[in-house]
């Protein structure tokens, strides 16, 4: 019997406020095993009723259907009341965003600084 290597799935999420702008920075994998952690961080920021919210996915290494589901839910919950923007600059995230049309319905920025500049219009 050959030894199996088990891949550990992990994510870290850092949520911070910048005035009335909520920023959720996600680092690692966004999948079924980590969805709860990501959702809780987003929910915490939305509970503060921000004028704008940025989800920073620039440090995400894997982004599948679960991540897309989280974004769709967040987009629906913020529609009409909170500006929502994304930061994504890696193929692992950009490819699914483009394939499923998220780049058409959400502003996607290549840096957090760029997203903050846009979000400040709503602060």
Protein backbone atom coordinates (compact mmCIF):
# COMPACT_ATOMS: atom_id res chain seq x y z
CA UNK A 1 0.00 0.00 0.00
CA UNK A 2 1.44 3.34 -0.98
CA UNK A 3 1.31 6.26 1.43
CA UNK A 4 -1.22 8.95 0.58
CA UNK A 5 -0.38 12.57 0.91
CA UNK A 6 -3.23 14.55 2.36
CA UNK A 7 -3.42 18.15 1.24
CA UNK A 8 -4.35 20.46 4.06
CA UNK A 9 -6.92 23.02 3.11
CA UNK A 10 -6.64 26.30 4.85
CA UNK A 11 -7.67 29.88 4.58
CA UNK A 12 -7.05 32.98 6.61
CA UNK A 13 -9.37 35.93 6.46
CA UNK A 14 -8.66 39.42 7.73
CA UNK A 15 -11.55 41.87 7.90
CA UNK A 16 -10.87 45.55 8.52
CA UNK A 17 -12.72 48.82 8.33
CA UNK A 18 -11.40 51.87 6.55
CA UNK A 19 -13.91 54.54 7.41
CA UNK A 20 -17.21 53.25 6.04
CA UNK A 21 -15.42 50.83 3.72
CA UNK A 22 -15.24 47.19 4.75
CA UNK A 23 -12.27 45.22 3.43
CA UNK A 24 -12.15 41.42 3.61
CA UNK A 25 -8.75 40.00 2.61
CA UNK A 26 -8.79 36.27 1.86
CA UNK A 27 -5.57 34.23 1.77
CA UNK A 28 -5.47 30.56 0.73
CA UNK A 29 -8.15 28.34 -0.78
CA UNK A 30 -11.83 29.18 -1.13
CA UNK A 31 -13.68 25.88 -1.29
CA UNK A 32 -16.31 23.90 0.56
CA UNK A 33 -14.02 23.32 3.56
CA UNK A 34 -13.24 27.02 4.02
CA UNK A 35 -16.54 28.59 2.94
CA UNK A 36 -17.83 29.09 6.48
CA UNK A 37 -14.79 31.12 7.49
CA UNK A 38 -15.06 33.36 4.43
CA UNK A 39 -18.82 33.81 4.80
CA UNK A 40 -18.52 34.74 8.50
CA UNK A 41 -15.97 37.45 7.72
CA UNK A 42 -18.16 38.89 4.97
CA UNK A 43 -21.25 38.70 7.18
CA UNK A 44 -19.40 40.54 9.95
CA UNK A 45 -18.52 43.39 7.62
CA UNK A 46 -22.02 43.57 6.15
CA UNK A 47 -23.52 43.72 9.66
CA UNK A 48 -21.75 47.07 10.13
CA UNK A 49 -23.70 48.42 7.11
CA UNK A 50 -20.71 49.73 5.15
CA UNK A 51 -21.12 52.24 2.32
CA UNK A 52 -18.69 50.13 0.28
CA UNK A 53 -17.13 46.71 0.62
CA UNK A 54 -14.07 45.19 -1.02
CA UNK A 55 -13.32 41.49 -1.12
CA UNK A 56 -9.60 41.11 -1.73
CA UNK A 57 -8.87 37.78 -3.44
CA UNK A 58 -5.33 38.66 -4.53
CA UNK A 59 -3.83 36.01 -2.22
CA UNK A 60 -6.27 33.23 -3.12
CA UNK A 61 -4.67 30.11 -4.60
CA UNK A 62 -7.82 28.11 -5.39
CA UNK A 63 -11.25 29.55 -6.19
CA UNK A 64 -13.99 27.19 -7.27
CA UNK A 65 -17.77 27.01 -7.40
CA UNK A 66 -18.09 27.62 -3.67
CA UNK A 67 -16.23 30.91 -4.01
CA UNK A 68 -18.48 31.93 -6.88
CA UNK A 69 -21.52 31.07 -4.77
CA UNK A 70 -20.23 33.24 -1.92
CA UNK A 71 -19.72 36.15 -4.32
CA UNK A 72 -23.17 35.72 -5.89
CA UNK A 73 -24.79 35.72 -2.45
CA UNK A 74 -22.80 38.77 -1.36
CA UNK A 75 -23.64 40.61 -4.59
CA UNK A 76 -27.34 39.92 -4.05
CA UNK A 77 -27.22 41.04 -0.41
CA UNK A 78 -25.41 44.31 -1.19
CA UNK A 79 -27.36 45.22 -4.34
CA UNK A 80 -28.72 48.73 -4.12
CA UNK A 81 -27.31 49.56 -0.70
CA UNK A 82 -23.56 48.86 -0.60
CA UNK A 83 -21.03 49.25 -3.39
CA UNK A 84 -19.16 45.93 -3.82
CA UNK A 85 -15.79 45.56 -5.50
CA UNK A 86 -13.24 42.78 -5.88
CA UNK A 87 -9.47 42.61 -6.00
CA UNK A 88 -8.17 39.78 -8.15
CA UNK A 89 -4.95 39.48 -10.09
CA UNK A 90 -4.27 35.74 -10.30
CA UNK A 91 -5.47 33.36 -12.97
CA UNK A 92 -6.89 30.95 -10.35
CA UNK A 93 -9.47 33.60 -9.47
CA UNK A 94 -9.80 35.64 -12.65
CA UNK A 95 -10.56 32.66 -14.87
CA UNK A 96 -13.70 31.52 -13.00
CA UNK A 97 -14.81 35.15 -12.54
CA UNK A 98 -14.62 35.70 -16.30
CA UNK A 99 -16.15 32.34 -17.24
CA UNK A 100 -19.21 32.92 -15.08
CA UNK A 101 -19.71 36.61 -15.91
CA UNK A 102 -18.75 38.14 -12.58
CA UNK A 103 -16.38 40.56 -14.32
CA UNK A 104 -19.43 41.96 -16.12
CA UNK A 105 -21.47 42.53 -12.97
CA UNK A 106 -18.82 43.49 -10.38
CA UNK A 107 -15.87 45.86 -10.63
CA UNK A 108 -12.66 43.82 -10.49
CA UNK A 109 -9.45 45.67 -9.61
CA UNK A 110 -5.86 44.46 -9.81
CA UNK A 111 -4.81 46.05 -6.51
CA UNK A 112 -6.34 46.94 -3.17
CA UNK A 113 -5.20 50.54 -3.61
CA UNK A 114 -7.11 50.79 -6.89
CA UNK A 115 -10.25 49.33 -5.29
CA UNK A 116 -9.99 51.67 -2.30
CA UNK A 117 -9.72 54.70 -4.56
CA UNK A 118 -12.96 53.70 -6.28
CA UNK A 119 -14.71 52.77 -3.01
CA UNK A 120 -13.91 56.13 -1.42
CA UNK A 121 -16.47 57.69 -3.76
CA UNK A 122 -19.13 55.92 -1.71
CA UNK A 123 -17.65 56.58 1.76
